[in-house]
């Protein structure tokens, strides 16, 4: 539910304002709202990952749902610097571990 109600919508909206037509909006309040909420959500992830390897302890569907969005926020949308992704070492560690999983690498190769 955390991914569906928070991560997906907020990272996607921030991505719109960073990569797509959002830059055409004169009113910057929506972008700032999505930025603040994305940073808040990354802070929740960071706190959770500070005491465990994966979100629920063991690798699970929660990680499979969340880390593609983190990857997209940083890579596809190019918002890593904007959200200060380097300030979240546990998130970046888990993202790297997620991307290093053989099944994830095979899935990403299909997209390439």
C-alpha atoms as a PDB file:
ATOM      1  CA  UNK A   1       0.000   0.000   0.000  1.00  0.00           C
ATOM      2  CA  UNK A   2       2.932   2.343   0.703  1.00  0.00           C
ATOM      3  CA  UNK A   3       4.084   2.016  -2.897  1.00  0.00           C
ATOM      4  CA  UNK A   4       0.601   2.335  -4.421  1.00  0.00           C
ATOM      5  CA  UNK A   5      -0.547   5.226  -2.252  1.00  0.00           C
ATOM      6  CA  UNK A   6       2.721   7.136  -1.945  1.00  0.00           C
ATOM      7  CA  UNK A   7       5.806   6.150  -3.902  1.00  0.00           C
ATOM      8  CA  UNK A   8       4.150   5.583  -7.297  1.00  0.00           C
ATOM      9  CA  UNK A   9       1.933   8.654  -7.417  1.00  0.00           C
ATOM     10  CA  UNK A  10       4.432  11.076  -5.879  1.00  0.00           C
ATOM     11  CA  UNK A  11       7.520   9.939  -7.784  1.00  0.00           C
ATOM     12  CA  UNK A  12       5.477   9.895 -10.993  1.00  0.00           C
ATOM     13  CA  UNK A  13       4.131  13.402 -10.440  1.00  0.00           C
ATOM     14  CA  UNK A  14       7.560  14.765  -9.569  1.00  0.00           C
ATOM     15  CA  UNK A  15       8.901  13.054 -12.695  1.00  0.00           C
ATOM     16  CA  UNK A  16       6.268  14.818 -14.799  1.00  0.00           C
ATOM     17  CA  UNK A  17       7.399  18.192 -13.478  1.00  0.00           C
ATOM     18  CA  UNK A  18      11.086  17.383 -13.943  1.00  0.00           C
ATOM     19  CA  UNK A  19      11.133  15.611 -17.306  1.00  0.00           C
ATOM     20  CA  UNK A  20       7.963  16.458 -19.164  1.00  0.00           C
ATOM     21  CA  UNK A  21       5.550  19.358 -19.550  1.00  0.00           C
ATOM     22  CA  UNK A  22       5.632  20.320 -15.901  1.00  0.00           C
ATOM     23  CA  UNK A  23       8.474  22.735 -16.574  1.00  0.00           C
ATOM     24  CA  UNK A  24       5.998  24.801 -18.601  1.00  0.00           C
ATOM     25  CA  UNK A  25       3.892  25.595 -15.531  1.00  0.00           C
ATOM     26  CA  UNK A  26       4.541  29.064 -14.165  1.00  0.00           C
ATOM     27  CA  UNK A  27       3.196  28.124 -10.741  1.00  0.00           C
ATOM     28  CA  UNK A  28       5.999  26.149  -9.091  1.00  0.00           C
ATOM     29  CA  UNK A  29       3.945  25.155  -6.017  1.00  0.00           C
ATOM     30  CA  UNK A  30       2.795  21.781  -7.433  1.00  0.00           C
ATOM     31  CA  UNK A  31       6.373  20.786  -8.298  1.00  0.00           C
ATOM     32  CA  UNK A  32       7.586  21.840  -4.857  1.00  0.00           C
ATOM     33  CA  UNK A  33       4.779  19.872  -3.199  1.00  0.00           C
ATOM     34  CA  UNK A  34       5.699  16.696  -5.102  1.00  0.00           C
ATOM     35  CA  UNK A  35       9.371  17.276  -4.389  1.00  0.00           C
ATOM     36  CA  UNK A  36       8.762  17.664  -0.650  1.00  0.00           C
ATOM     37  CA  UNK A  37       6.564  14.574  -0.532  1.00  0.00           C
ATOM     38  CA  UNK A  38       9.076  12.516  -2.544  1.00  0.00           C
ATOM     39  CA  UNK A  39      11.848  13.486  -0.119  1.00  0.00           C
ATOM     40  CA  UNK A  40       9.561  12.583   2.800  1.00  0.00           C
ATOM     41  CA  UNK A  41       8.877   9.163   1.267  1.00  0.00           C
ATOM     42  CA  UNK A  42      12.589   8.585   0.672  1.00  0.00           C
ATOM     43  CA  UNK A  43      13.141   9.455   4.336  1.00  0.00           C
ATOM     44  CA  UNK A  44      10.609   6.781   5.341  1.00  0.00           C
ATOM     45  CA  UNK A  45      12.423   4.261   3.127  1.00  0.00           C
ATOM     46  CA  UNK A  46      15.778   5.315   4.584  1.00  0.00           C
ATOM     47  CA  UNK A  47      14.523   4.827   8.132  1.00  0.00           C
ATOM     48  CA  UNK A  48      13.093   1.405   7.308  1.00  0.00           C
ATOM     49  CA  UNK A  49      16.259   0.270   5.523  1.00  0.00           C
ATOM     50  CA  UNK A  50      18.579   1.522   8.262  1.00  0.00           C
ATOM     51  CA  UNK A  51      17.894  -1.590  10.343  1.00  0.00           C
ATOM     52  CA  UNK A  52      17.273  -4.217   7.690  1.00  0.00           C
ATOM     53  CA  UNK A  53      18.581  -5.348   4.321  1.00  0.00           C
ATOM     54  CA  UNK A  54      15.215  -5.063   2.554  1.00  0.00           C
ATOM     55  CA  UNK A  55      11.976  -3.255   3.346  1.00  0.00           C
ATOM     56  CA  UNK A  56      10.423  -6.111   5.300  1.00  0.00           C
ATOM     57  CA  UNK A  57      13.698  -7.744   6.297  1.00  0.00           C
ATOM     58  CA  UNK A  58      13.869 -10.404   3.588  1.00  0.00           C
ATOM     59  CA  UNK A  59      13.575  -9.586  -0.116  1.00  0.00           C
ATOM     60  CA  UNK A  60       9.867  -9.451  -0.953  1.00  0.00           C
ATOM     61  CA  UNK A  61       7.188  -8.168  -3.286  1.00  0.00           C
ATOM     62  CA  UNK A  62       7.450  -4.839  -1.429  1.00  0.00           C
ATOM     63  CA  UNK A  63      10.987  -4.373  -2.769  1.00  0.00           C
ATOM     64  CA  UNK A  64       9.882  -5.470  -6.242  1.00  0.00           C
ATOM     65  CA  UNK A  65       7.193  -2.783  -6.177  1.00  0.00           C
ATOM     66  CA  UNK A  66       9.247   0.075  -4.675  1.00  0.00           C
ATOM     67  CA  UNK A  67      12.716  -0.112  -6.205  1.00  0.00           C
ATOM     68  CA  UNK A  68      11.698   0.227  -9.856  1.00  0.00           C
ATOM     69  CA  UNK A  69      10.153   3.551  -8.831  1.00  0.00           C
ATOM     70  CA  UNK A  70      13.335   4.615  -7.033  1.00  0.00           C
ATOM     71  CA  UNK A  71      15.318   3.613 -10.115  1.00  0.00           C
ATOM     72  CA  UNK A  72      12.943   5.579 -12.333  1.00  0.00           C
ATOM     73  CA  UNK A  73      13.072   8.649 -10.118  1.00  0.00           C
ATOM     74  CA  UNK A  74      16.863   8.717 -10.267  1.00  0.00           C
ATOM     75  CA  UNK A  75      17.396   7.391 -13.794  1.00  0.00           C
ATOM     76  CA  UNK A  76      14.460   7.887 -16.129  1.00  0.00           C
ATOM     77  CA  UNK A  77      13.190  11.112 -14.573  1.00  0.00           C
ATOM     78  CA  UNK A  78      16.670  12.376 -13.697  1.00  0.00           C
ATOM     79  CA  UNK A  79      15.564  13.705 -10.324  1.00  0.00           C
ATOM     80  CA  UNK A  80      18.288  12.140  -8.178  1.00  0.00           C
ATOM     81  CA  UNK A  81      20.119  15.393  -7.516  1.00  0.00           C
ATOM     82  CA  UNK A  82      16.854  17.243  -6.961  1.00  0.00           C
ATOM     83  CA  UNK A  83      15.730  14.867  -4.198  1.00  0.00           C
ATOM     84  CA  UNK A  84      19.261  14.565  -2.794  1.00  0.00           C
ATOM     85  CA  UNK A  85      19.452  10.821  -3.354  1.00  0.00           C
ATOM     86  CA  UNK A  86      23.012  10.735  -1.981  1.00  0.00           C
ATOM     87  CA  UNK A  87      21.541  11.757   1.383  1.00  0.00           C
ATOM     88  CA  UNK A  88      19.832   8.372   1.526  1.00  0.00           C
ATOM     89  CA  UNK A  89      22.685   5.837   1.735  1.00  0.00           C
ATOM     90  CA  UNK A  90      20.469   2.930   2.818  1.00  0.00           C
ATOM     91  CA  UNK A  91      18.083   3.564  -0.083  1.00  0.00           C
ATOM     92  CA  UNK A  92      20.952   3.739  -2.577  1.00  0.00           C
ATOM     93  CA  UNK A  93      22.515   0.593  -1.080  1.00  0.00           C
ATOM     94  CA  UNK A  94      19.249  -1.319  -1.426  1.00  0.00           C
ATOM     95  CA  UNK A  95      18.704   0.041  -4.940  1.00  0.00           C
ATOM     96  CA  UNK A  96      22.160  -1.187  -5.981  1.00  0.00           C
ATOM     97  CA  UNK A  97      21.459  -4.587  -4.401  1.00  0.00           C
ATOM     98  CA  UNK A  98      18.093  -4.710  -6.186  1.00  0.00           C
ATOM     99  CA  UNK A  99      19.670  -3.925  -9.555  1.00  0.00           C
ATOM    100  CA  UNK A 100      22.374  -6.545  -8.959  1.00  0.00           C
ATOM    101  CA  UNK A 101      19.836  -9.347  -8.552  1.00  0.00           C
ATOM    102  CA  UNK A 102      20.097 -11.712 -11.555  1.00  0.00           C
ATOM    103  CA  UNK A 103      16.329 -11.756 -12.125  1.00  0.00           C
ATOM    104  CA  UNK A 104      16.188  -7.943 -12.151  1.00  0.00           C
ATOM    105  CA  UNK A 105      19.140  -7.766 -14.551  1.00  0.00           C
ATOM    106  CA  UNK A 106      17.405 -10.249 -16.875  1.00  0.00           C
ATOM    107  CA  UNK A 107      14.189  -8.223 -16.749  1.00  0.00           C
ATOM    108  CA  UNK A 108      16.023  -4.987 -17.508  1.00  0.00           C
ATOM    109  CA  UNK A 109      17.808  -6.668 -20.408  1.00  0.00           C
ATOM    110  CA  UNK A 110      14.428  -7.401 -21.986  1.00  0.00           C
ATOM    111  CA  UNK A 111      13.690  -3.667 -21.957  1.00  0.00           C
ATOM    112  CA  UNK A 112      17.031  -2.876 -23.583  1.00  0.00           C
END
